[in-house]
Protein backbone atom coordinates (compact mmCIF):
# COMPACT_ATOMS: atom_id res chain seq x y z
CA MET A 1 0.00 0.00 0.00
CA SER A 2 1.35 3.46 -0.96
CA ASN A 3 1.12 6.81 0.80
CA ILE A 4 -1.55 7.97 -1.64
CA ILE A 5 -4.67 9.53 -0.13
CA VAL A 6 -7.69 9.78 -2.44
CA HIS A 7 -9.93 12.76 -1.64
CA LYS A 8 -13.41 12.90 -3.18
CA PHE A 9 -15.30 16.22 -3.21
CA GLY A 10 -18.96 16.06 -4.17
CA GLY A 11 -21.15 18.81 -5.53
CA SER A 12 -22.18 19.86 -2.01
CA CYS A 13 -18.52 20.81 -1.44
CA LEU A 14 -18.48 22.98 -4.57
CA ARG A 15 -21.14 25.60 -3.94
CA ASP A 16 -19.03 28.79 -4.30
CA SER A 17 -15.51 29.92 -5.07
CA ASP A 18 -14.44 29.94 -1.41
CA ASP A 19 -14.82 26.16 -1.44
CA LEU A 20 -11.84 25.90 -3.79
CA ASP A 21 -9.54 27.44 -1.19
CA ARG A 22 -10.98 25.06 1.38
CA ILE A 23 -10.10 22.13 -0.88
CA ALA A 24 -6.53 23.42 -1.19
CA GLU A 25 -6.29 23.75 2.58
CA ILE A 26 -7.56 20.22 3.10
CA ILE A 27 -5.27 18.40 0.69
CA THR A 28 -2.18 20.27 1.90
CA SER A 29 -2.97 19.57 5.56
CA PHE A 30 -3.18 15.79 5.08
CA GLU A 31 -0.05 13.69 4.98
CA GLY A 32 0.50 11.61 1.86
CA SER A 33 0.27 12.19 -1.87
CA PRO A 34 -3.20 13.46 -2.83
CA ILE A 35 -5.37 12.29 -5.68
CA VAL A 36 -8.51 14.40 -6.00
CA VAL A 37 -11.79 13.17 -7.52
CA VAL A 38 -14.54 15.71 -8.14
CA SER A 39 -18.22 15.82 -9.01
CA ALA A 40 -19.80 18.63 -11.00
CA LEU A 41 -20.42 21.96 -9.28
CA TRP A 42 -23.50 22.11 -7.07
CA GLY A 43 -26.68 21.79 -9.14
CA MET A 44 -24.81 21.56 -12.44
CA THR A 45 -25.74 17.98 -13.37
CA ASP A 46 -29.44 18.74 -12.98
CA ARG A 47 -29.11 21.69 -15.35
CA LEU A 48 -27.32 19.56 -17.91
CA ILE A 49 -29.96 16.83 -17.63
CA ARG A 50 -32.73 19.37 -18.30
CA ALA A 51 -30.89 20.72 -21.32
CA ALA A 52 -30.22 17.24 -22.70
CA ASN A 53 -33.87 16.27 -22.25
CA ASP A 54 -35.53 19.44 -23.54
CA SER A 55 -34.11 21.86 -26.10
CA ILE A 56 -36.00 24.76 -24.48
CA TYR A 57 -33.35 24.75 -21.73
CA ALA A 58 -30.43 24.46 -24.13
CA GLY A 59 -30.62 27.90 -25.73
CA LYS A 60 -28.47 29.90 -23.33
CA LEU A 61 -26.91 26.95 -21.50
CA VAL A 62 -23.40 27.27 -22.94
CA ARG A 63 -23.21 30.99 -22.14
CA ASP A 64 -24.49 30.43 -18.61
CA LEU A 65 -22.12 27.52 -17.99
CA LYS A 66 -19.14 29.54 -19.13
CA SER A 67 -20.16 32.49 -16.96
CA GLN A 68 -20.75 30.36 -13.85
CA HIS A 69 -17.47 28.46 -14.07
CA LEU A 70 -15.51 31.67 -14.69
CA ARG A 71 -17.10 33.16 -11.57
CA PHE A 72 -15.69 30.19 -9.67
CA ALA A 73 -12.30 30.40 -11.35
CA PRO A 74 -11.62 33.84 -12.89
CA GLY A 75 -8.97 33.60 -15.58
CA LEU A 76 -9.66 29.95 -16.40
CA ASP A 77 -10.25 30.94 -20.03
CA GLN A 78 -6.85 32.65 -20.15
CA GLY A 79 -4.70 30.36 -18.01
CA PRO A 80 -2.80 27.13 -18.65
CA PHE A 81 -6.04 25.16 -19.08
CA LYS A 82 -7.53 27.57 -21.61
CA GLU A 83 -7.51 25.10 -24.50
CA LEU A 84 -9.14 22.35 -22.45
CA PHE A 85 -11.81 24.76 -21.20
CA ASN A 86 -12.66 25.91 -24.72
CA LYS A 87 -12.69 22.32 -25.95
CA VAL A 88 -15.25 21.30 -23.33
CA MET A 89 -17.45 24.32 -24.05
CA ASP A 90 -17.29 23.69 -27.80
CA GLY A 91 -18.11 20.05 -27.20
CA ILE A 92 -21.27 20.95 -25.28
CA SER A 93 -22.39 23.23 -28.12
CA THR A 94 -21.75 20.54 -30.72
CA GLU A 95 -23.65 17.83 -28.86
CA LEU A 96 -26.61 20.13 -28.09
CA VAL A 97 -26.90 20.88 -31.81
CA GLN A 98 -26.64 17.15 -32.51
CA LEU A 99 -29.51 16.42 -30.14
CA SER A 100 -31.71 19.20 -31.52
CA THR A 101 -31.25 18.15 -35.14
CA ASP A 102 -30.95 14.36 -35.01
CA GLY A 103 -33.00 13.60 -31.91
CA ALA A 104 -32.21 11.41 -28.93
CA SER A 105 -28.68 10.01 -28.85
CA VAL A 106 -27.14 8.21 -25.88
CA ARG A 107 -23.68 9.28 -27.00
CA SER A 108 -24.54 12.99 -27.24
CA ARG A 109 -26.49 12.95 -24.01
CA ASN A 110 -23.63 11.30 -22.12
CA LEU A 111 -21.07 13.73 -23.50
CA ILE A 112 -23.23 16.67 -22.39
CA LEU A 113 -23.77 15.29 -18.88
CA ALA A 114 -20.10 14.38 -18.43
CA ALA A 115 -19.15 17.99 -19.18
CA GLY A 116 -20.17 18.95 -15.63
CA GLU A 117 -17.37 16.86 -14.14
CA ARG A 118 -14.89 17.97 -16.80
CA LEU A 119 -15.57 21.63 -16.07
CA SER A 120 -15.40 21.06 -12.33
CA ALA A 121 -11.98 19.38 -12.66
CA LEU A 122 -10.76 22.38 -14.68
CA VAL A 123 -12.08 24.86 -12.11
CA VAL A 124 -10.46 23.05 -9.17
CA ALA A 125 -7.17 22.49 -10.99
CA HIS A 126 -7.01 26.15 -12.05
CA ARG A 127 -7.44 27.47 -8.51
CA LEU A 128 -4.99 24.98 -6.98
CA HIS A 129 -2.50 25.88 -9.70
CA GLU A 130 -2.89 29.57 -8.77
CA LEU A 131 -2.12 28.62 -5.16
CA GLY A 132 1.15 27.02 -6.21
CA LEU A 133 0.11 23.36 -6.38
CA ASP A 134 1.09 21.17 -9.33
CA ALA A 135 -2.54 20.42 -10.16
CA HIS A 136 -3.82 19.21 -13.51
CA PRO A 137 -7.26 18.02 -14.68
CA ILE A 138 -7.66 14.48 -16.04
CA GLY A 139 -10.68 12.82 -17.66
CA ALA A 140 -11.24 9.34 -16.22
CA GLU A 141 -11.91 7.72 -19.59
CA ASP A 142 -8.87 9.42 -21.13
CA ILE A 143 -6.53 7.39 -18.91
CA GLY A 144 -8.22 4.03 -19.32
CA LEU A 145 -10.93 3.74 -16.65
CA LYS A 146 -13.30 1.03 -17.93
CA LEU A 147 -16.95 0.56 -16.98
CA LYS A 148 -19.11 -2.57 -17.09
CA GLY A 149 -21.82 -1.55 -19.52
CA LYS A 150 -22.61 0.42 -22.65
CA GLY A 151 -23.93 3.94 -22.28
CA SER A 152 -24.74 3.39 -18.62
CA ALA A 153 -23.15 1.19 -15.99
CA CYS A 154 -23.51 0.30 -12.34
CA ARG A 155 -19.89 -0.74 -11.77
CA ILE A 156 -16.34 0.06 -12.80
CA ASP A 157 -14.48 -2.87 -14.35
CA LEU A 158 -11.52 -3.02 -11.99
CA GLU A 159 -9.85 -5.95 -13.76
CA ARG A 160 -9.79 -4.26 -17.18
CA SER A 161 -9.01 -0.86 -15.67
CA ASN A 162 -6.02 -2.30 -13.83
CA GLU A 163 -4.60 -3.38 -17.19
CA THR A 164 -5.31 -0.17 -19.09
CA LEU A 165 -4.99 2.66 -16.54
CA ASP A 166 -2.21 5.08 -17.46
CA ARG A 167 -0.75 5.68 -14.02
CA SER A 168 2.14 7.72 -15.43
CA VAL A 169 -0.09 10.82 -15.68
CA LEU A 170 -1.17 10.63 -12.04
CA VAL A 171 1.63 12.82 -10.76
CA GLY A 172 1.62 16.11 -8.86
CA VAL A 173 -1.98 16.71 -7.75
CA PRO A 174 -4.20 15.03 -10.33
CA ILE A 175 -7.80 16.28 -10.39
CA LEU A 176 -9.85 13.39 -11.74
CA THR A 177 -13.39 13.36 -13.03
CA GLY A 178 -15.82 11.07 -11.26
CA TRP A 179 -19.03 9.47 -12.52
CA PHE A 180 -17.93 8.26 -15.95
CA GLY A 181 -15.42 6.19 -17.92
CA GLU A 182 -15.12 4.19 -21.11
CA GLY A 183 -17.90 1.69 -21.73
CA GLU A 184 -17.62 -1.76 -23.26
CA ASP A 185 -18.31 -0.32 -26.72
CA GLY A 186 -15.45 2.18 -26.52
CA GLU A 187 -17.82 5.13 -26.01
CA LEU A 188 -18.20 7.20 -22.87
CA ALA A 189 -20.49 5.60 -20.27
CA LEU A 190 -22.03 7.05 -17.11
CA LEU A 191 -22.51 5.54 -13.68
CA SER A 192 -25.78 6.04 -11.79
CA ARG A 193 -26.27 9.26 -9.83
CA GLY A 194 -23.92 9.32 -6.87
CA GLY A 195 -21.49 7.07 -8.69
CA SER A 196 -18.57 9.48 -8.29
CA ASP A 197 -17.96 7.98 -4.85
CA HIS A 198 -17.62 4.61 -6.57
CA SER A 199 -15.15 6.22 -9.00
CA ALA A 200 -13.07 7.47 -6.07
CA ALA A 201 -13.08 4.03 -4.45
CA ALA A 202 -12.02 2.47 -7.75
CA PHE A 203 -9.08 4.87 -8.05
CA ALA A 204 -8.11 4.07 -4.44
CA ASN A 205 -8.08 0.38 -5.39
CA LEU A 206 -6.18 0.85 -8.65
CA MET A 207 -3.55 3.07 -7.06
CA GLY A 208 -3.15 1.00 -3.89
CA ALA A 209 -4.11 4.01 -1.80
CA GLU A 210 -3.54 4.23 1.93
CA LYS A 211 -6.98 5.73 2.49
CA LEU A 212 -10.07 7.18 0.81
CA VAL A 213 -11.73 10.29 2.25
CA LEU A 214 -15.21 11.26 1.08
CA TRP A 215 -15.81 14.93 1.84
CA LYS A 216 -19.48 15.81 2.40
CA ASP A 217 -21.45 18.64 3.99
CA VAL A 218 -22.50 16.43 6.93
CA ASP A 219 -20.66 14.86 9.88
CA GLY A 220 -20.46 11.31 8.59
CA ILE A 221 -23.32 8.80 8.60
CA LYS A 222 -26.10 9.35 11.13
CA ARG A 223 -27.72 6.48 13.00
CA LEU A 224 -30.92 7.40 11.17
CA ASN A 225 -31.34 9.44 7.98
CA PRO A 226 -31.95 13.09 9.01
CA ARG A 227 -34.80 13.24 6.45
CA TRP A 228 -37.07 11.78 9.16
CA GLY A 229 -36.56 14.79 11.44
CA ILE A 230 -35.20 12.68 14.30
CA GLU A 231 -31.92 13.91 15.77
CA THR A 232 -29.36 11.09 16.11
CA ASP A 233 -25.64 10.67 16.66
CA THR A 234 -23.02 9.98 14.00
CA VAL A 235 -21.98 6.34 13.63
CA PRO A 236 -18.27 6.15 14.58
CA TYR A 237 -17.47 2.88 12.78
CA LEU A 238 -19.06 0.56 10.25
CA GLY A 239 -17.69 -2.59 8.68
CA TYR A 240 -17.71 -2.86 4.89
CA GLY A 241 -20.69 -5.21 4.94
CA GLU A 242 -22.60 -3.06 7.41
CA ALA A 243 -21.97 0.07 5.34
CA THR A 244 -23.10 -1.67 2.15
CA GLU A 245 -26.26 -2.91 3.84
CA LEU A 246 -27.06 0.55 5.20
CA SER A 247 -26.41 2.22 1.84
CA LYS A 248 -29.11 0.04 0.27
CA HIS A 249 -31.69 1.21 2.79
CA GLY A 250 -31.93 4.93 2.84
CA THR A 251 -28.66 6.59 3.83
CA PRO A 252 -28.02 9.44 1.35
CA VAL A 253 -24.36 9.73 2.32
CA LEU A 254 -23.03 6.54 0.73
CA HIS A 255 -23.55 5.09 -2.75
CA PRO A 256 -24.25 1.31 -2.60
CA ALA A 257 -21.25 0.46 -4.81
CA THR A 258 -18.76 2.65 -2.96
CA VAL A 259 -17.08 0.21 -0.58
CA GLU A 260 -16.85 -2.74 -2.97
CA PRO A 261 -13.44 -1.81 -4.49
CA LEU A 262 -11.96 -1.24 -1.03
CA ILE A 263 -12.67 -4.61 0.55
CA LEU A 264 -10.02 -6.91 -0.93
CA ASP A 265 -7.09 -4.70 0.05
CA GLY A 266 -8.71 -3.46 3.26
CA ILE A 267 -8.49 0.21 2.28
CA PRO A 268 -10.12 2.32 5.01
CA LEU A 269 -12.73 4.93 4.18
CA GLU A 270 -13.45 8.11 6.12
CA ILE A 271 -16.54 10.28 5.66
CA ARG A 272 -15.76 13.82 6.80
CA ASN A 273 -17.52 17.18 6.89
CA VAL A 274 -15.81 19.66 4.58
CA ASN A 275 -16.95 22.52 6.86
CA SER A 276 -15.61 21.04 10.11
CA ASP A 277 -12.09 21.03 11.48
CA ARG A 278 -10.03 17.88 11.87
CA SER A 279 -11.08 17.50 15.53
CA VAL A 280 -14.58 16.38 14.47
CA ALA A 281 -14.53 12.59 14.36
CA PRO A 282 -15.56 11.13 10.99
CA THR A 283 -17.47 7.96 10.27
CA MET A 284 -14.84 5.29 9.67
CA ILE A 285 -15.54 2.31 7.40
CA GLY A 286 -13.25 -0.69 7.30
CA PRO A 287 -13.05 -4.45 7.83
CA ASP A 288 -16.05 -6.07 9.49
CA ILE A 289 -15.34 -6.89 13.11
CA SER A 290 -17.28 -8.71 15.82
CA ASP A 291 -18.96 -5.87 17.63
CA SER A 292 -22.19 -6.23 19.58
CA GLY A 293 -24.75 -3.47 19.74
CA PHE A 294 -27.02 -1.58 17.40
CA LYS A 295 -25.32 0.87 15.06
CA ALA A 296 -27.85 2.38 12.69
CA ILE A 297 -31.30 2.09 11.15
CA GLY A 298 -31.81 2.28 7.41
CA CYS A 299 -35.27 2.87 5.98
CA GLN A 300 -36.43 2.81 2.37
CA PRO A 301 -40.09 3.75 1.78
CA GLY A 302 -42.05 2.00 -0.94
CA VAL A 303 -41.93 -1.79 -1.11
CA ALA A 304 -43.34 -4.06 -3.82
CA ILE A 305 -43.78 -7.77 -3.06
CA LEU A 306 -44.11 -9.96 -6.17
CA THR A 307 -45.57 -13.43 -5.69
CA SER A 308 -46.44 -16.20 -8.14
CA ASP A 309 -47.49 -19.84 -8.09
CA ASN A 310 -44.72 -20.49 -10.62
CA PRO A 311 -40.94 -20.54 -10.09
CA LEU A 312 -38.74 -17.62 -11.08
CA ASN A 313 -38.41 -17.58 -14.85
CA SER A 314 -35.27 -16.70 -16.76
CA ASN A 315 -36.90 -13.76 -18.58
CA LEU A 316 -37.74 -11.98 -15.34
CA LEU A 317 -34.31 -12.70 -13.88
CA SER A 318 -32.60 -11.36 -17.02
CA ARG A 319 -34.69 -8.19 -16.94
CA ILE A 320 -33.84 -7.62 -13.28
CA GLU A 321 -30.14 -7.91 -14.10
CA GLU A 322 -30.35 -5.74 -17.22
CA GLU A 323 -32.20 -2.94 -15.43
CA ASP A 324 -30.02 -3.22 -12.31
CA VAL A 325 -33.11 -3.60 -10.12
CA THR A 326 -32.29 -3.76 -6.41
CA VAL A 327 -33.59 -7.04 -4.97
CA TRP A 328 -34.03 -7.10 -1.19
CA SER A 329 -35.25 -10.69 -1.06
CA LEU A 330 -35.75 -13.50 -3.57
CA THR A 331 -37.07 -16.99 -2.91
CA SER A 332 -38.07 -19.48 -5.57
CA THR A 333 -39.19 -23.12 -5.46
CA PRO A 334 -40.81 -25.32 -8.14
CA ASP A 335 -44.20 -24.27 -6.71
CA GLN A 336 -43.84 -20.56 -5.98
CA MET A 337 -41.79 -17.39 -6.18
CA ARG A 338 -41.49 -14.29 -3.97
CA ILE A 339 -39.43 -11.20 -4.79
CA ILE A 340 -39.21 -8.01 -2.73
CA ILE A 341 -37.99 -4.86 -4.49
CA PRO A 342 -38.30 -1.06 -4.14
CA SER A 343 -41.65 -0.07 -5.65
CA HIS A 344 -40.06 2.60 -7.87
CA TYR A 345 -38.39 -0.18 -9.89
CA LEU A 346 -41.69 -1.92 -10.61
CA HIS A 347 -42.34 -0.15 -13.92
CA LEU A 348 -39.11 -1.64 -15.31
CA ILE A 349 -40.39 -5.22 -15.01
CA ASP A 350 -44.19 -5.03 -14.69
CA ASP A 351 -44.76 -6.09 -18.31
CA ILE A 352 -43.32 -9.57 -17.65
CA ILE A 353 -44.58 -10.19 -14.12
CA ASP A 354 -46.58 -13.40 -13.79
CA GLY A 355 -48.45 -13.18 -10.50
CA ASP A 356 -49.60 -10.69 -7.87
CA VAL A 357 -48.07 -7.48 -6.51
CA GLU A 358 -48.58 -6.27 -2.94
CA PHE A 359 -47.37 -2.92 -1.63
CA LYS A 360 -46.00 -2.17 1.84
CA THR A 361 -44.92 1.08 3.48
CA ALA A 362 -41.20 0.50 3.95
CA ILE A 363 -38.31 -1.87 4.43
CA ILE A 364 -36.07 -1.27 7.43
CA SER A 365 -32.57 -2.58 8.02
CA ILE A 366 -31.33 -2.57 11.62
CA ILE A 367 -27.54 -2.67 11.50
CA GLY A 368 -25.95 -4.71 14.27
CA ALA A 369 -29.19 -6.37 15.33
CA ASP A 370 -30.16 -9.99 15.84
CA GLU A 371 -33.70 -11.27 16.27
CA PHE A 372 -35.42 -9.64 19.24
CA PHE A 373 -38.68 -8.00 20.24
CA LEU A 374 -39.56 -4.85 18.29
CA PRO A 375 -42.12 -2.27 19.39
CA ILE A 376 -43.77 -2.06 15.96
CA ALA A 377 -45.66 -4.57 13.82
CA HIS A 378 -43.33 -6.09 11.26
CA GLU A 379 -42.40 -9.04 9.07
CA ILE A 380 -38.82 -10.31 9.30
CA ILE A 381 -37.33 -10.70 5.82
CA SER A 382 -33.81 -11.80 6.73
CA VAL A 383 -31.26 -11.90 9.50
CA ASN A 384 -27.57 -11.97 8.66
CA GLU A 385 -24.20 -11.08 10.15
CA TYR A 386 -24.81 -7.37 9.52
CA GLY A 387 -28.27 -7.05 11.00
CA MET A 388 -31.94 -7.65 10.37
CA ARG A 389 -34.32 -6.60 7.57
CA ILE A 390 -37.99 -6.10 8.29
CA ILE A 391 -41.02 -4.86 6.35
CA ILE A 392 -43.59 -2.64 8.01
CA GLU A 393 -47.04 -1.34 7.12
CA THR A 394 -47.94 1.92 8.88
CA ASP A 395 -49.89 5.15 8.45
CA ASP A 396 -47.14 7.16 10.17
CA LEU A 397 -43.69 6.03 9.13
CA THR A 398 -41.88 8.78 11.04
CA ALA A 399 -43.60 7.87 14.30
CA SER A 400 -42.82 4.19 13.76
CA LEU A 401 -39.15 4.97 13.15
CA GLU A 402 -38.95 7.16 16.23
CA SER A 403 -40.50 4.42 18.37
CA LEU A 404 -38.08 1.88 16.93
CA TYR A 405 -35.07 4.14 17.41
CA GLN A 406 -35.93 5.01 20.99
CA SER A 407 -36.53 1.35 21.83
CA LEU A 408 -33.27 0.11 20.33
CA PHE A 409 -30.86 2.76 21.49
CA SER A 410 -32.35 3.41 24.90
CA ARG A 411 -32.09 -0.34 25.52
CA GLN A 412 -28.45 -0.29 24.41
CA ASP A 413 -27.64 2.71 26.63
CA CYS A 414 -28.98 0.79 29.64
CA LYS A 415 -26.64 -2.13 29.12
C-alpha cells in the first residue's frame, strides 16, 4: 500500500468559489500524496440533464455555464487550461446541436452530462495551480478507466481498468473526473447518480491508496437518515458489509457500490464534513469486526412484493439484471416465487410479471441487530451477520421509526 490519499469532493462541497480554497487547505494539511476526484459543481448535473432532455433549456446553457465556471475560477479561459476549457465548451455546443437536429442520442447525451465533471476538474485544478500546487485536470476515460456496460453502468471494471490505466499521468496533484469512464463499446459511459464515490473508491483500489476520504457537507453517517426529522448521533465505525447494507436502505451519504473496491485490500474509508475542522470525528468504514450493539437504522419507503405460483423464470431474472433492479429478497421453489424490491423499480419489469403485486410502506434494516422483540408490527425478511431486515405497514412512518429508534438505542444505553 502506498502513501496515496484519495480525496473525493462532491457537488455539495463545490457551492461557491471559497470552497476551492478550502479544498486546497484540506489536501495540503493531510499527509501523503493526494489524488482528488470531483463531481460537478453544485446543481450543475441537474441543469445539464434538463438541457439534454428538452431543447428549451439548451438555448443559453453554454453561455451560462461559461459564466458560472468563470465566476468560480476567474482567468480559467486565459490560463494554462484555456484550450481544455474551450474544448469542453465547444463540445457541449456541438452535442446540443446534434440532439436538436438528429433527436435522442445516448452518446450525445452522455457527453453533455459528463461535461459537468470535466468543467469542475478544470475549475479546481485552475485554482490549486494559482495557489502554487502542481494540479492538472484528467478525464477518467482518457486514462483508461473502464466501466461494465454500454452507455450506462452500475460498476467500474476493476480488472480491465487495472490493465489499461495510465498511471504515469497521475503525478503532482491530479484532479480526476468522477461518474464516468469508457464503456464496453469504446464510447463514454455514465454511472448512476452518486457514482462518483464509486469512482473514487475504484481509483483508491487501482492506485493502492492508503486511504479514501469522502468529503461531504455532513458529519459522517447518522444512526438514522436526518430526512425523518429525528436527531441522532453519528456512527463512529461501520464494517464494509454493514456500510453496504445501510447504503441500500436509505442513507443518502453513501452510494451502494462505494465500498466494494476497497474490501479486498482493506483500504479504510473516512466520511468527513468539509466545513468542520479535523477534531470532528468522521465515520470510519473498514473491515467487518465482531462488535455487539445496534449501530444504525436504514429505511427505504415503498416496497413491492411480487408473488407467483410459478418458479422464477429466466426472462424476469434477465430483466432484473439488465435494469439493475435492487432485490431485497428473492425466494423461488418449483411451486412458488417471492421477490421483494423497491416499488419505484416496478415499472421496469411489470410487463413480464406473472403473478400478484402487494405494496408495503417501507423496508427497514437494523444494522448490528439480531432477532429480538420490536415495538412495531413487522415481518422479518432476513437476518444476517450485519443485522436484520424487516417490512412494516404503517400510516405514520416517522412515528414508527422514532419508536423503533428510541426502543433500540435506549435499551443499548442501559446495558
